[in-house]
Amino acid sequence: MIGLDTWDPQAPDDPRLAQLLDDARSAAGDPAAALALADRATRALPLPGAGRTAALWRGLAELAAIDLTVARALEPHLDAVAILAQAAEAGHPVPAPSGTWGVYAAEGPGTRLEARAADDGTLLLTGRKPWCSLAEHVGSALVTAWVDDERRTLVAVDLSHPGVALVDEPWVARGLSAVRSTGLRFAEVPAVPVGGPGWYLARPGFAWGGLGVAACWLGGAMGLARRIRRAALEREPDQIGLSLLGQVDARLAAAAAVLTEAATAVDAGRVRGEHAWARCVRVRHVVHDACEAVLTLAAHALGPGPLAGEEEHAARVADLQLYLRQHKAERDAAMVGQAVVDGMPVTWS
């Protein structure tokens, strides 16, 4: 499903995807160039939950195997397009998903974005939103804002409005260094509601969205695996080298199998209801752990040479290390454990 076995990334069956992957190579490391591919990515990759979720995640993984900056720029845009489609399907009026989009739903201490109703039925946003990745590059965003002390709502906002300002914050990341994440300050900025209060978190697609990110993680690890395999082809490996490559293959095959099963479950309508989020976090956890293992195995297999002398490899390692930190590791595992206690189905009962 993800390109580890039966799918040849050099000859994908969809010519639109083949062209997108070729263009992604030229956009490597440049988020603005990556976002210029947004419309083509929307046409080439299907929506999640519509019967071809595996193809979506396969495409994201292959983009990430080429370059994690490209994948990190395009994944939120595709997520926004999917959210707007889900809102329209649920009967909510939504803006056209034209241009480039971000999705900003993070909360932070001491920051709060509030929405109040305007006379024309729109909402006015005031306050600050943290962790807005590529806000200087995207034209629009889906943003969560508070409508009262207990409820959040999702809105679509034009980031070119004069009431929107970037917060000048340091970005010293060595990984994904061009994918800057900063705060945004809003001052009476009009926004269009997308679904009612609570809809964003209650929709089935909220859980699935996190697996698109996991597919990107897997793609980053695939890129490392391909570098290890290349080294084995260039110089005959000893038994230790073969063992390391075999361990990498086993970790990635397992992660891809879990993502494949999840894609099938999403398309069959089984990832809904009480335990949907915990089920998806469990999948993310499996992929995350596989990718962390591949980072270590790649370091042991390749040594310091590529890290010191190959820009592409060194960037991929740093990018993947930072990208994986979207996973909350032990805290996410504790949440899955609580779901197991609460009756979430497991394979080992």
Protein backbone atom coordinates (compact mmCIF):
# COMPACT_ATOMS: atom_id res chain seq x y z
CA MET A 1 0.00 0.00 0.00
CA ILE A 2 2.71 2.48 0.99
CA GLY A 3 5.22 1.53 -1.68
CA LEU A 4 7.24 -0.93 0.40
CA ASP A 5 6.32 -3.99 -1.64
CA THR A 6 4.03 -3.96 -4.68
CA TRP A 7 3.96 -0.31 -5.71
CA ASP A 8 6.81 1.04 -7.80
CA PRO A 9 7.35 4.73 -6.92
CA GLN A 10 9.12 5.25 -10.22
CA ALA A 11 6.04 4.23 -12.19
CA PRO A 12 2.85 5.02 -10.23
CA ASP A 13 -0.37 4.03 -11.90
CA ASP A 14 -1.79 7.59 -11.88
CA PRO A 15 0.08 9.98 -14.21
CA ARG A 16 -1.03 12.93 -12.08
CA LEU A 17 0.71 11.40 -9.08
CA ALA A 18 3.80 10.61 -11.15
CA GLN A 19 4.02 14.26 -12.21
CA LEU A 20 3.44 15.45 -8.64
CA LEU A 21 6.31 13.31 -7.37
CA ASP A 22 8.60 14.60 -10.12
CA ASP A 23 7.71 18.18 -9.24
CA ALA A 24 8.24 17.47 -5.55
CA ARG A 25 11.88 16.68 -6.24
CA SER A 26 12.35 20.16 -7.68
CA ALA A 27 10.57 21.75 -4.70
CA ALA A 28 12.64 19.94 -2.06
CA GLY A 29 13.43 22.14 0.93
CA ASP A 30 11.29 25.04 -0.31
CA PRO A 31 7.83 25.34 1.29
CA ALA A 32 6.73 28.08 -1.11
CA ALA A 33 7.58 25.88 -4.09
CA ALA A 34 5.82 22.98 -2.40
CA LEU A 35 2.66 25.01 -1.86
CA ALA A 36 2.72 25.95 -5.54
CA LEU A 37 1.91 22.26 -6.07
CA ALA A 38 -1.18 22.42 -3.82
CA ASP A 39 -3.78 22.37 -6.60
CA ARG A 40 -2.02 19.48 -8.33
CA ALA A 41 -1.81 17.58 -5.05
CA THR A 42 -5.54 18.10 -4.50
CA ARG A 43 -6.28 16.63 -7.92
CA ALA A 44 -3.81 13.76 -7.65
CA LEU A 45 -4.65 12.52 -4.14
CA PRO A 46 -8.13 11.35 -3.06
CA LEU A 47 -10.09 12.48 -0.02
CA PRO A 48 -9.90 10.30 3.10
CA GLY A 49 -12.84 8.07 3.85
CA ALA A 50 -14.10 8.03 0.27
CA GLY A 51 -12.91 4.55 -0.68
CA ARG A 52 -9.28 5.30 -1.61
CA THR A 53 -7.74 6.31 1.70
CA ALA A 54 -4.82 3.94 1.17
CA ALA A 55 -3.96 5.76 -2.06
CA LEU A 56 -4.00 9.09 -0.22
CA TRP A 57 -1.65 7.87 2.49
CA ARG A 58 0.55 6.12 -0.06
CA GLY A 59 0.90 9.39 -1.96
CA LEU A 60 1.73 11.34 1.19
CA ALA A 61 4.33 8.74 2.12
CA GLU A 62 5.98 8.93 -1.29
CA LEU A 63 6.07 12.73 -1.13
CA ALA A 64 7.71 12.51 2.29
CA ALA A 65 10.20 9.93 1.07
CA ILE A 66 11.31 12.51 -1.49
CA ASP A 67 11.36 15.45 0.92
CA LEU A 68 9.76 16.06 4.30
CA THR A 69 9.50 19.82 3.79
CA VAL A 70 7.29 19.22 0.75
CA ALA A 71 5.12 16.74 2.62
CA ARG A 72 4.92 18.97 5.71
CA ALA A 73 3.70 21.86 3.54
CA LEU A 74 1.14 19.89 1.51
CA GLU A 75 -0.36 17.62 4.20
CA PRO A 76 -2.17 20.42 6.12
CA HIS A 77 -3.47 21.87 2.85
CA LEU A 78 -4.91 18.49 1.90
CA ASP A 79 -6.33 18.13 5.41
CA ALA A 80 -8.09 21.49 5.04
CA VAL A 81 -9.57 20.46 1.70
CA ALA A 82 -10.84 17.25 3.32
CA ILE A 83 -12.35 19.13 6.26
CA LEU A 84 -14.20 21.51 3.94
CA ALA A 85 -15.50 18.54 1.94
CA GLN A 86 -16.69 16.83 5.12
CA ALA A 87 -18.46 20.01 6.23
CA ALA A 88 -20.17 20.38 2.86
CA GLU A 89 -21.26 16.73 2.96
CA ALA A 90 -22.76 17.34 6.41
CA GLY A 91 -24.82 20.21 4.96
CA HIS A 92 -22.80 23.14 6.26
CA PRO A 93 -22.11 26.08 3.93
CA VAL A 94 -18.37 26.36 3.28
CA PRO A 95 -16.09 28.57 1.21
CA ALA A 96 -14.54 27.18 -1.95
CA PRO A 97 -11.23 25.40 -1.18
CA SER A 98 -9.24 27.52 -3.62
CA GLY A 99 -5.73 28.76 -3.03
CA THR A 100 -3.49 27.41 -0.27
CA TRP A 101 -4.63 26.48 3.23
CA GLY A 102 -3.37 25.77 6.71
CA VAL A 103 -5.14 24.19 9.68
CA TYR A 104 -4.50 25.83 13.05
CA ALA A 105 -6.15 24.09 16.00
CA ALA A 106 -3.44 24.17 18.68
CA GLU A 107 -3.92 25.84 22.03
CA GLY A 108 -1.22 27.24 24.25
CA PRO A 109 -0.85 28.67 27.75
CA GLY A 110 -1.62 32.35 27.96
CA THR A 111 -3.09 32.49 24.45
CA ARG A 112 -6.70 32.47 23.37
CA LEU A 113 -8.52 33.24 20.14
CA GLU A 114 -12.13 34.31 20.63
CA ALA A 115 -14.97 34.56 18.12
CA ARG A 116 -17.99 36.79 18.47
CA ALA A 117 -20.95 37.16 16.14
CA ALA A 118 -21.04 40.15 13.79
CA ASP A 119 -24.21 41.81 12.53
CA ASP A 120 -23.92 40.17 9.10
CA GLY A 121 -23.83 36.63 10.51
CA THR A 122 -20.08 36.16 10.20
CA LEU A 123 -17.74 35.89 13.14
CA LEU A 124 -15.07 38.33 14.24
CA LEU A 125 -11.81 36.89 15.58
CA THR A 126 -9.77 38.60 18.27
CA GLY A 127 -6.80 37.21 20.15
CA ARG A 128 -3.81 35.05 19.46
CA LYS A 129 -3.32 31.59 17.96
CA PRO A 130 -0.09 29.64 18.57
CA TRP A 131 1.75 27.15 16.33
CA CYS A 132 0.58 28.40 12.93
CA SER A 133 2.90 26.63 10.51
CA LEU A 134 3.72 28.39 7.23
CA ALA A 135 1.30 31.21 8.05
CA GLU A 136 3.45 33.58 5.98
CA HIS A 137 2.99 31.35 2.91
CA VAL A 138 -0.64 30.16 2.90
CA GLY A 139 -3.52 32.35 1.79
CA SER A 140 -6.28 30.98 4.03
CA ALA A 141 -6.65 28.85 7.11
CA LEU A 142 -9.11 26.81 9.09
CA VAL A 143 -8.75 28.00 12.67
CA THR A 144 -10.39 26.95 15.92
CA ALA A 145 -11.65 29.76 18.13
CA TRP A 146 -13.58 29.95 21.39
CA VAL A 147 -17.22 31.03 21.23
CA ASP A 148 -17.58 30.82 25.03
CA ASP A 149 -15.69 29.29 27.93
CA GLU A 150 -16.49 25.68 26.96
CA ARG A 151 -17.02 25.48 23.22
CA ARG A 152 -14.72 25.89 20.26
CA THR A 153 -15.77 26.43 16.70
CA LEU A 154 -13.97 26.08 13.38
CA VAL A 155 -13.80 29.05 11.04
CA ALA A 156 -12.29 29.83 7.66
CA VAL A 157 -10.25 33.02 7.56
CA ASP A 158 -8.39 34.99 4.91
CA LEU A 159 -4.87 35.48 6.25
CA SER A 160 -4.26 38.47 3.98
CA HIS A 161 -6.74 40.55 6.02
CA PRO A 162 -5.01 43.60 7.56
CA GLY A 163 -6.16 42.52 11.02
CA VAL A 164 -3.97 39.41 10.88
CA ALA A 165 -0.37 39.80 12.04
CA LEU A 166 2.49 37.35 12.47
CA VAL A 167 3.88 37.23 15.98
CA ASP A 168 7.65 37.70 15.87
CA GLU A 169 8.90 34.54 17.58
CA PRO A 170 12.21 32.68 17.29
CA TRP A 171 12.39 29.65 15.02
CA VAL A 172 15.73 27.98 15.59
CA ALA A 173 14.81 24.47 14.43
CA ARG A 174 17.51 22.50 12.63
CA GLY A 175 14.90 20.12 11.23
CA LEU A 176 12.20 21.48 8.92
CA SER A 177 14.02 24.77 9.24
CA ALA A 178 12.08 26.39 6.39
CA VAL A 179 8.70 25.27 7.77
CA ARG A 180 8.44 28.08 10.27
CA SER A 181 5.73 27.88 12.92
CA THR A 182 4.73 31.10 14.61
CA GLY A 183 1.84 32.72 16.40
CA LEU A 184 -0.84 34.81 14.71
CA ARG A 185 -2.55 37.83 16.25
CA PHE A 186 -6.11 38.63 15.14
CA ALA A 187 -7.84 41.99 15.60
CA GLU A 188 -11.52 41.98 14.61
CA VAL A 189 -10.88 39.72 11.63
CA PRO A 190 -14.00 38.42 9.82
CA ALA A 191 -14.29 34.66 9.51
CA VAL A 192 -16.81 32.20 8.09
CA PRO A 193 -18.07 29.42 10.39
CA VAL A 194 -17.38 25.89 9.18
CA GLY A 195 -19.89 23.71 11.01
CA GLY A 196 -21.32 24.63 14.40
CA PRO A 197 -19.52 24.80 17.75
CA GLY A 198 -17.96 21.42 18.49
CA TRP A 199 -18.35 20.06 14.96
CA TYR A 200 -14.63 20.09 14.18
CA LEU A 201 -13.78 17.71 17.02
CA ALA A 202 -16.95 15.59 16.75
CA ARG A 203 -16.70 14.75 13.02
CA PRO A 204 -15.36 11.28 12.19
CA GLY A 205 -12.61 12.78 10.02
CA PHE A 206 -10.94 14.40 13.04
CA ALA A 207 -9.45 11.05 14.04
CA TRP A 208 -8.41 10.11 10.50
CA GLY A 209 -6.54 13.36 9.89
CA GLY A 210 -3.78 12.38 12.27
CA LEU A 211 -3.03 9.31 10.17
CA GLY A 212 -2.14 11.46 7.17
CA VAL A 213 0.63 12.87 9.35
CA ALA A 214 1.68 9.33 10.29
CA ALA A 215 1.91 8.46 6.58
CA CYS A 216 4.34 11.38 6.20
CA TRP A 217 6.43 10.09 9.10
CA LEU A 218 6.55 6.69 7.44
CA GLY A 219 7.63 8.28 4.17
CA GLY A 220 10.50 10.05 5.89
CA ALA A 221 11.67 6.72 7.29
CA MET A 222 11.27 5.15 3.84
CA GLY A 223 13.73 7.72 2.52
CA LEU A 224 16.25 6.64 5.15
CA ALA A 225 15.67 2.99 4.29
CA ARG A 226 16.37 3.67 0.63
CA ARG A 227 19.67 5.30 1.57
CA ILE A 228 20.65 2.23 3.61
CA ARG A 229 19.74 -0.07 0.74
CA ARG A 230 21.78 2.07 -1.65
CA ALA A 231 24.79 1.75 0.63
CA ALA A 232 24.35 -2.03 0.65
CA LEU A 233 24.27 -2.09 -3.15
CA GLU A 234 27.32 0.15 -3.49
CA ARG A 235 29.46 -1.85 -1.08
CA GLU A 236 28.80 -5.45 -0.07
CA PRO A 237 27.56 -5.32 3.54
CA ASP A 238 28.76 -7.63 6.27
CA GLN A 239 26.37 -9.62 8.43
CA ILE A 240 25.81 -6.67 10.77
CA GLY A 241 24.90 -4.42 7.85
CA LEU A 242 22.46 -7.02 6.54
CA SER A 243 20.92 -7.38 9.98
CA LEU A 244 20.41 -3.61 10.28
CA LEU A 245 18.80 -3.45 6.84
CA GLY A 246 16.56 -6.39 7.70
CA GLN A 247 15.45 -4.73 10.92
CA VAL A 248 14.61 -1.55 9.01
CA ASP A 249 12.56 -3.52 6.50
CA ALA A 250 10.66 -5.35 9.25
CA ARG A 251 9.80 -2.11 11.11
CA LEU A 252 8.56 -0.37 7.97
CA ALA A 253 6.61 -3.39 6.74
CA ALA A 254 4.81 -3.61 10.09
CA ALA A 255 4.01 0.11 10.16
CA ALA A 256 2.75 0.03 6.57
CA ALA A 257 0.56 -2.99 7.34
CA VAL A 258 -1.03 -1.20 10.29
CA LEU A 259 -1.68 1.91 8.17
CA THR A 260 -3.16 -0.26 5.42
CA GLU A 261 -5.56 -1.90 7.87
CA ALA A 262 -6.51 1.52 9.21
CA ALA A 263 -7.22 2.82 5.71
CA THR A 264 -9.49 -0.14 5.03
CA ALA A 265 -11.31 0.44 8.32
CA VAL A 266 -11.76 4.15 7.58
CA ASP A 267 -13.24 3.44 4.15
CA ALA A 268 -15.55 0.80 5.63
CA GLY A 269 -16.94 3.32 8.14
CA ARG A 270 -15.56 1.49 11.16
CA VAL A 271 -13.42 4.32 12.56
CA ARG A 272 -16.20 6.27 14.19
CA GLY A 273 -17.72 6.74 17.58
CA GLU A 274 -16.41 6.48 21.10
CA HIS A 275 -12.96 5.00 20.48
CA ALA A 276 -12.16 6.41 17.04
CA TRP A 277 -9.51 8.84 18.25
CA ALA A 278 -7.81 6.28 20.49
CA ARG A 279 -7.74 3.75 17.65
CA CYS A 280 -6.04 6.24 15.38
CA VAL A 281 -3.57 7.30 18.06
CA ARG A 282 -2.70 3.62 18.49
CA VAL A 283 -1.85 3.47 14.79
CA ARG A 284 0.17 6.67 15.04
CA HIS A 285 2.04 5.16 17.97
CA VAL A 286 3.01 2.08 15.94
CA VAL A 287 4.23 4.22 13.03
CA HIS A 288 6.03 6.64 15.34
CA ASP A 289 7.92 3.85 17.09
CA ALA A 290 8.89 2.28 13.76
CA CYS A 291 10.25 5.60 12.51
CA GLU A 292 12.22 6.25 15.69
CA ALA A 293 13.73 2.79 15.37
CA VAL A 294 14.67 3.44 11.75
CA LEU A 295 16.43 6.67 12.75
CA THR A 296 18.60 4.72 15.17
CA LEU A 297 19.18 1.83 12.76
CA ALA A 298 20.15 4.25 9.98
CA ALA A 299 22.68 5.92 12.26
CA HIS A 300 24.22 2.54 13.06
CA ALA A 301 24.15 1.34 9.46
CA LEU A 302 25.55 4.45 7.78
CA GLY A 303 27.78 5.98 10.42
CA PRO A 304 28.77 9.67 10.46
CA GLY A 305 29.69 10.03 6.79
CA PRO A 306 26.26 10.82 5.28
CA LEU A 307 25.32 12.97 8.29
CA ALA A 308 28.44 15.08 7.77
CA GLY A 309 28.70 15.06 3.99
CA GLU A 310 25.27 14.61 2.41
CA GLU A 311 22.87 17.53 2.63
CA GLU A 312 19.82 15.47 1.64
CA HIS A 313 20.44 12.73 4.19
CA ALA A 314 21.36 15.08 7.04
CA ALA A 315 18.26 17.17 6.37
CA ARG A 316 16.02 14.09 6.25
CA VAL A 317 17.29 12.91 9.64
CA ALA A 318 16.80 16.31 11.27
CA ASP A 319 13.42 16.84 9.60
CA LEU A 320 12.08 13.47 10.70
CA GLN A 321 13.30 13.91 14.26
CA LEU A 322 11.38 17.17 14.60
CA TYR A 323 8.29 16.01 12.71
CA LEU A 324 7.93 12.97 14.99
CA ARG A 325 7.60 15.25 17.98
CA GLN A 326 4.01 15.93 16.96
CA HIS A 327 3.44 12.58 18.66
CA LYS A 328 3.08 12.97 22.41
CA ALA A 329 4.76 9.61 23.01
CA GLU A 330 4.08 8.40 26.55
CA ARG A 331 1.10 10.71 27.01
CA ASP A 332 -0.54 9.36 23.85
CA ALA A 333 0.24 5.82 24.99
CA ALA A 334 -1.45 6.57 28.32
CA MET A 335 -4.53 7.79 26.49
CA VAL A 336 -4.65 4.55 24.50
CA GLY A 337 -4.23 2.59 27.74
CA GLN A 338 -7.18 4.42 29.26
CA ALA A 339 -9.27 3.57 26.19
CA VAL A 340 -8.33 -0.10 26.62
CA VAL A 341 -9.51 0.07 30.25
CA ASP A 342 -12.71 1.71 29.03
CA GLY A 343 -13.47 -1.14 26.64
CA MET A 344 -11.81 -0.27 23.33
CA PRO A 345 -11.55 -3.50 21.28
CA VAL A 346 -8.08 -5.01 21.16
CA THR A 347 -6.55 -7.85 19.15
CA TRP A 348 -5.28 -9.70 22.20
CA SER A 349 -8.40 -10.09 24.35
